[in-house]
Amino acid sequence: MIVKQIISEELLTLPDVKETLNRIREERENEGKELGYELRKAISHAELFSKLTPEKSRELVNELIKLEKMKPEIAFRIADILPQSNDEVRSIYAKERYTLTEQELKQILEIVYRFI
């Protein structure tokens, strides 16, 4: 598929994507259309790796964004991955120009644990 123009762009968590893909699947099934290979694979991936409800994932992102060194892109990534250790959080921040202190890592993990 060749994209000619991006009309809008929005960050979504994996549970949001799963919900959207399931709605698309239902619409296509009601219309009697076949699901394409890419759509089937995307639905399978979303169902396999989505761990929270869309509402909980949005709440988690909102809580994470309140932190000092948190960018929206990183908050969405954390909500998708749900890291369980300091090393997993550090790997998410690996491309950033700064490192997190132990206190900041602990804060992030405490927020994640509340939503698991």
N, C-alpha and C. Protein backbone atom coordinates (compact mmCIF):
# COMPACT_ATOMS: atom_id res chain seq x y z
N MET A 1 0.84 -1.16 0.00
CA MET A 1 0.00 0.00 0.00
C MET A 1 0.89 1.24 0.00
N ILE A 2 0.62 2.16 -0.85
CA ILE A 2 1.38 3.40 -0.95
C ILE A 2 0.54 4.53 -0.35
N VAL A 3 1.12 5.21 0.61
CA VAL A 3 0.43 6.32 1.26
C VAL A 3 0.80 7.60 0.54
N LYS A 4 -0.21 8.32 0.07
CA LYS A 4 0.05 9.55 -0.65
C LYS A 4 0.12 10.75 0.27
N GLN A 5 -0.72 10.74 1.31
CA GLN A 5 -0.76 11.90 2.19
C GLN A 5 -1.27 11.45 3.55
N ILE A 6 -0.66 11.95 4.60
CA ILE A 6 -1.13 11.68 5.95
C ILE A 6 -2.11 12.78 6.32
N ILE A 7 -3.32 12.39 6.63
CA ILE A 7 -4.36 13.36 6.97
C ILE A 7 -4.26 13.76 8.44
N SER A 8 -4.10 12.78 9.30
CA SER A 8 -3.93 13.06 10.72
C SER A 8 -3.13 11.93 11.36
N GLU A 9 -2.60 12.22 12.51
CA GLU A 9 -1.78 11.23 13.21
C GLU A 9 -2.13 11.30 14.68
N GLU A 10 -2.27 10.11 15.29
CA GLU A 10 -2.65 10.05 16.69
C GLU A 10 -1.95 8.86 17.34
N LEU A 11 -1.44 9.05 18.54
CA LEU A 11 -0.82 7.95 19.26
C LEU A 11 -1.91 7.09 19.89
N LEU A 12 -1.77 5.77 19.75
CA LEU A 12 -2.73 4.83 20.31
C LEU A 12 -1.99 3.75 21.08
N THR A 13 -2.63 3.27 22.12
CA THR A 13 -2.08 2.12 22.83
C THR A 13 -2.53 0.86 22.09
N LEU A 14 -1.86 -0.24 22.36
CA LEU A 14 -2.20 -1.50 21.71
C LEU A 14 -3.65 -1.93 22.00
N PRO A 15 -4.16 -1.76 23.23
CA PRO A 15 -5.58 -2.10 23.46
C PRO A 15 -6.54 -1.25 22.61
N ASP A 16 -6.19 0.02 22.39
CA ASP A 16 -7.01 0.87 21.51
C ASP A 16 -6.98 0.34 20.08
N VAL A 17 -5.81 -0.07 19.63
CA VAL A 17 -5.66 -0.63 18.29
C VAL A 17 -6.48 -1.91 18.16
N LYS A 18 -6.41 -2.75 19.19
CA LYS A 18 -7.16 -4.01 19.19
C LYS A 18 -8.66 -3.73 19.06
N GLU A 19 -9.15 -2.77 19.82
CA GLU A 19 -10.57 -2.40 19.78
C GLU A 19 -10.96 -1.91 18.39
N THR A 20 -10.14 -1.07 17.79
CA THR A 20 -10.41 -0.54 16.46
C THR A 20 -10.40 -1.65 15.40
N LEU A 21 -9.40 -2.52 15.48
CA LEU A 21 -9.31 -3.63 14.52
C LEU A 21 -10.49 -4.59 14.66
N ASN A 22 -10.93 -4.85 15.87
CA ASN A 22 -12.09 -5.72 16.06
C ASN A 22 -13.36 -5.09 15.49
N ARG A 23 -13.48 -3.78 15.62
CA ARG A 23 -14.64 -3.08 15.04
C ARG A 23 -14.59 -3.18 13.51
N ILE A 24 -13.40 -3.03 12.93
CA ILE A 24 -13.25 -3.15 11.47
C ILE A 24 -13.58 -4.57 11.04
N ARG A 25 -13.12 -5.58 11.81
CA ARG A 25 -13.40 -6.97 11.47
C ARG A 25 -14.91 -7.24 11.47
N GLU A 26 -15.62 -6.73 12.48
CA GLU A 26 -17.07 -6.91 12.55
C GLU A 26 -17.77 -6.25 11.37
N GLU A 27 -17.35 -5.04 11.01
CA GLU A 27 -17.95 -4.35 9.87
C GLU A 27 -17.76 -5.15 8.58
N ARG A 28 -16.55 -5.66 8.38
CA ARG A 28 -16.27 -6.44 7.16
C ARG A 28 -17.07 -7.74 7.14
N GLU A 29 -17.18 -8.40 8.29
CA GLU A 29 -17.95 -9.64 8.35
C GLU A 29 -19.43 -9.38 8.07
N ASN A 30 -19.96 -8.27 8.59
CA ASN A 30 -21.36 -7.92 8.34
C ASN A 30 -21.61 -7.61 6.87
N GLU A 31 -20.61 -7.04 6.21
CA GLU A 31 -20.73 -6.73 4.78
C GLU A 31 -20.42 -7.93 3.90
N GLY A 32 -19.94 -9.01 4.50
CA GLY A 32 -19.61 -10.21 3.75
C GLY A 32 -18.27 -10.13 3.03
N LYS A 33 -17.42 -9.19 3.45
CA LYS A 33 -16.11 -9.04 2.83
C LYS A 33 -15.10 -9.93 3.53
N GLU A 34 -14.09 -10.35 2.78
CA GLU A 34 -13.03 -11.18 3.32
C GLU A 34 -11.97 -10.31 3.99
N LEU A 35 -11.38 -10.83 5.06
CA LEU A 35 -10.31 -10.11 5.74
C LEU A 35 -9.00 -10.37 5.01
N GLY A 36 -8.26 -9.32 4.72
CA GLY A 36 -6.98 -9.46 4.04
C GLY A 36 -5.93 -10.04 4.97
N TYR A 37 -4.85 -10.50 4.39
CA TYR A 37 -3.76 -11.11 5.16
C TYR A 37 -3.20 -10.15 6.20
N GLU A 38 -2.93 -8.90 5.80
CA GLU A 38 -2.35 -7.92 6.71
C GLU A 38 -3.28 -7.63 7.87
N LEU A 39 -4.58 -7.52 7.58
CA LEU A 39 -5.54 -7.25 8.64
C LEU A 39 -5.63 -8.42 9.61
N ARG A 40 -5.64 -9.63 9.10
CA ARG A 40 -5.67 -10.81 9.98
C ARG A 40 -4.44 -10.86 10.87
N LYS A 41 -3.27 -10.57 10.30
CA LYS A 41 -2.03 -10.57 11.08
C LYS A 41 -2.04 -9.46 12.13
N ALA A 42 -2.52 -8.30 11.77
CA ALA A 42 -2.58 -7.18 12.72
C ALA A 42 -3.52 -7.50 13.87
N ILE A 43 -4.67 -8.10 13.58
CA ILE A 43 -5.62 -8.49 14.63
C ILE A 43 -5.00 -9.55 15.53
N SER A 44 -4.33 -10.51 14.94
CA SER A 44 -3.69 -11.57 15.71
C SER A 44 -2.62 -10.99 16.65
N HIS A 45 -1.82 -10.08 16.14
CA HIS A 45 -0.77 -9.44 16.95
C HIS A 45 -1.38 -8.65 18.10
N ALA A 46 -2.41 -7.87 17.80
CA ALA A 46 -3.05 -7.04 18.83
C ALA A 46 -3.67 -7.92 19.92
N GLU A 47 -4.31 -9.01 19.53
CA GLU A 47 -4.92 -9.90 20.51
C GLU A 47 -3.87 -10.61 21.36
N LEU A 48 -2.75 -10.95 20.76
CA LEU A 48 -1.71 -11.68 21.47
C LEU A 48 -0.98 -10.80 22.50
N PHE A 49 -0.71 -9.55 22.15
CA PHE A 49 0.13 -8.71 22.99
C PHE A 49 -0.61 -7.65 23.80
N SER A 50 -1.89 -7.48 23.59
CA SER A 50 -2.66 -6.50 24.34
C SER A 50 -2.97 -7.07 25.72
N LYS A 51 -2.54 -6.36 26.77
CA LYS A 51 -2.65 -6.89 28.13
C LYS A 51 -3.67 -6.16 28.99
N LEU A 52 -4.04 -4.95 28.64
CA LEU A 52 -4.96 -4.15 29.43
C LEU A 52 -6.22 -3.83 28.62
N THR A 53 -7.20 -3.26 29.28
CA THR A 53 -8.36 -2.74 28.57
C THR A 53 -7.99 -1.37 28.00
N PRO A 54 -8.69 -0.92 26.98
CA PRO A 54 -8.38 0.41 26.43
C PRO A 54 -8.49 1.52 27.48
N GLU A 55 -9.48 1.43 28.37
CA GLU A 55 -9.67 2.45 29.39
C GLU A 55 -8.48 2.48 30.36
N LYS A 56 -8.07 1.31 30.83
CA LYS A 56 -6.94 1.24 31.75
C LYS A 56 -5.65 1.72 31.09
N SER A 57 -5.46 1.37 29.83
CA SER A 57 -4.23 1.80 29.15
C SER A 57 -4.19 3.32 29.00
N ARG A 58 -5.34 3.95 28.72
CA ARG A 58 -5.38 5.41 28.61
C ARG A 58 -5.12 6.06 29.97
N GLU A 59 -5.68 5.46 31.04
CA GLU A 59 -5.41 5.97 32.39
C GLU A 59 -3.93 5.88 32.72
N LEU A 60 -3.32 4.76 32.36
CA LEU A 60 -1.90 4.56 32.61
C LEU A 60 -1.07 5.60 31.87
N VAL A 61 -1.39 5.85 30.62
CA VAL A 61 -0.66 6.86 29.84
C VAL A 61 -0.81 8.24 30.49
N ASN A 62 -2.03 8.57 30.92
CA ASN A 62 -2.26 9.88 31.55
C ASN A 62 -1.45 10.03 32.84
N GLU A 63 -1.36 8.95 33.62
CA GLU A 63 -0.55 8.99 34.85
C GLU A 63 0.93 9.15 34.52
N LEU A 64 1.41 8.43 33.52
CA LEU A 64 2.82 8.49 33.16
C LEU A 64 3.22 9.86 32.61
N ILE A 65 2.34 10.47 31.84
CA ILE A 65 2.66 11.77 31.24
C ILE A 65 2.87 12.85 32.30
N LYS A 66 2.31 12.66 33.47
CA LYS A 66 2.47 13.63 34.55
C LYS A 66 3.90 13.66 35.10
N LEU A 67 4.67 12.61 34.84
CA LEU A 67 6.05 12.55 35.33
C LEU A 67 6.94 13.52 34.57
N GLU A 68 8.03 13.92 35.20
CA GLU A 68 8.91 14.96 34.67
C GLU A 68 9.58 14.59 33.35
N LYS A 69 10.25 13.47 33.27
CA LYS A 69 11.01 13.10 32.07
C LYS A 69 10.23 12.16 31.16
N MET A 70 8.93 12.38 31.04
CA MET A 70 8.11 11.46 30.27
C MET A 70 7.57 12.16 29.03
N LYS A 71 7.92 11.62 27.88
CA LYS A 71 7.38 12.08 26.61
C LYS A 71 6.14 11.23 26.30
N PRO A 72 5.19 11.77 25.57
CA PRO A 72 4.01 10.97 25.23
C PRO A 72 4.34 9.66 24.51
N GLU A 73 5.31 9.71 23.60
CA GLU A 73 5.66 8.49 22.85
C GLU A 73 6.16 7.39 23.79
N ILE A 74 6.93 7.79 24.79
CA ILE A 74 7.48 6.82 25.75
C ILE A 74 6.36 6.30 26.65
N ALA A 75 5.45 7.18 27.05
CA ALA A 75 4.33 6.75 27.90
C ALA A 75 3.48 5.71 27.18
N PHE A 76 3.23 5.90 25.89
CA PHE A 76 2.46 4.94 25.11
C PHE A 76 3.22 3.63 24.98
N ARG A 77 4.52 3.70 24.80
CA ARG A 77 5.34 2.49 24.68
C ARG A 77 5.33 1.71 25.99
N ILE A 78 5.44 2.42 27.10
CA ILE A 78 5.39 1.75 28.41
C ILE A 78 4.03 1.09 28.63
N ALA A 79 2.96 1.77 28.23
CA ALA A 79 1.61 1.20 28.39
C ALA A 79 1.43 -0.05 27.53
N ASP A 80 2.11 -0.12 26.39
CA ASP A 80 2.01 -1.31 25.53
C ASP A 80 2.85 -2.46 26.07
N ILE A 81 4.03 -2.16 26.56
CA ILE A 81 4.97 -3.20 26.98
C ILE A 81 4.75 -3.64 28.43
N LEU A 82 4.34 -2.71 29.29
CA LEU A 82 4.18 -2.95 30.72
C LEU A 82 5.45 -3.57 31.32
N PRO A 83 6.53 -2.80 31.37
CA PRO A 83 7.80 -3.32 31.89
C PRO A 83 7.68 -3.74 33.36
N GLN A 84 8.44 -4.77 33.73
CA GLN A 84 8.37 -5.32 35.07
C GLN A 84 9.64 -5.06 35.88
N SER A 85 10.68 -4.55 35.25
CA SER A 85 11.94 -4.34 35.96
C SER A 85 12.59 -3.03 35.52
N ASN A 86 13.58 -2.62 36.31
CA ASN A 86 14.32 -1.39 35.97
C ASN A 86 15.01 -1.52 34.62
N ASP A 87 15.56 -2.69 34.34
CA ASP A 87 16.26 -2.89 33.06
C ASP A 87 15.32 -2.73 31.87
N GLU A 88 14.09 -3.21 32.01
CA GLU A 88 13.14 -3.07 30.91
C GLU A 88 12.78 -1.60 30.68
N VAL A 89 12.63 -0.84 31.76
CA VAL A 89 12.35 0.59 31.62
C VAL A 89 13.55 1.30 31.00
N ARG A 90 14.76 0.94 31.45
CA ARG A 90 15.98 1.55 30.88
C ARG A 90 16.07 1.28 29.38
N SER A 91 15.70 0.08 28.96
CA SER A 91 15.78 -0.23 27.52
C SER A 91 14.81 0.62 26.71
N ILE A 92 13.69 0.99 27.30
CA ILE A 92 12.74 1.88 26.61
C ILE A 92 13.35 3.27 26.46
N TYR A 93 14.12 3.69 27.45
CA TYR A 93 14.75 5.02 27.44
C TYR A 93 16.14 5.01 26.78
N ALA A 94 16.54 3.91 26.19
CA ALA A 94 17.90 3.78 25.65
C ALA A 94 18.25 4.83 24.61
N LYS A 95 17.31 5.26 23.80
CA LYS A 95 17.62 6.24 22.75
C LYS A 95 17.58 7.69 23.23
N GLU A 96 17.15 7.90 24.44
CA GLU A 96 17.06 9.26 24.97
C GLU A 96 18.44 9.77 25.37
N ARG A 97 18.58 11.07 25.43
CA ARG A 97 19.87 11.69 25.74
C ARG A 97 20.13 11.78 27.25
N TYR A 98 19.24 11.27 28.04
CA TYR A 98 19.41 11.32 29.48
C TYR A 98 19.11 9.94 30.07
N THR A 99 19.58 9.73 31.27
CA THR A 99 19.30 8.48 31.97
C THR A 99 18.41 8.77 33.17
N LEU A 100 17.70 7.78 33.60
CA LEU A 100 16.79 7.94 34.74
C LEU A 100 17.50 7.54 36.03
N THR A 101 17.15 8.24 37.09
CA THR A 101 17.67 7.87 38.40
C THR A 101 16.89 6.67 38.92
N GLU A 102 17.41 6.06 39.97
CA GLU A 102 16.72 4.91 40.57
C GLU A 102 15.33 5.32 41.07
N GLN A 103 15.22 6.52 41.60
CA GLN A 103 13.93 7.02 42.10
C GLN A 103 12.92 7.16 40.95
N GLU A 104 13.36 7.68 39.82
CA GLU A 104 12.47 7.84 38.66
C GLU A 104 12.05 6.47 38.11
N LEU A 105 12.97 5.53 38.07
CA LEU A 105 12.63 4.17 37.63
C LEU A 105 11.60 3.55 38.56
N LYS A 106 11.81 3.75 39.86
CA LYS A 106 10.89 3.20 40.85
C LYS A 106 9.50 3.81 40.69
N GLN A 107 9.44 5.11 40.44
CA GLN A 107 8.16 5.80 40.23
C GLN A 107 7.41 5.21 39.05
N ILE A 108 8.10 5.03 37.93
CA ILE A 108 7.47 4.49 36.73
C ILE A 108 6.94 3.09 37.00
N LEU A 109 7.75 2.25 37.62
CA LEU A 109 7.32 0.88 37.90
C LEU A 109 6.15 0.83 38.88
N GLU A 110 6.11 1.72 39.87
CA GLU A 110 4.99 1.77 40.79
C GLU A 110 3.69 2.10 40.07
N ILE A 111 3.76 3.03 39.12
CA ILE A 111 2.57 3.39 38.35
C ILE A 111 2.13 2.20 37.50
N VAL A 112 3.08 1.54 36.85
CA VAL A 112 2.74 0.39 36.01
C VAL A 112 2.12 -0.71 36.85
N TYR A 113 2.66 -0.99 38.02
CA TYR A 113 2.15 -2.06 38.89
C TYR A 113 0.71 -1.79 39.34
N ARG A 114 0.35 -0.54 39.50
CA ARG A 114 -1.04 -0.22 39.89
C ARG A 114 -2.05 -0.62 38.83
N PHE A 115 -1.62 -0.68 37.57
CA PHE A 115 -2.55 -0.94 36.49
C PHE A 115 -2.52 -2.39 35.99
N ILE A 116 -1.59 -3.17 36.49
CA ILE A 116 -1.51 -4.58 36.04
C ILE A 116 -2.55 -5.41 36.74
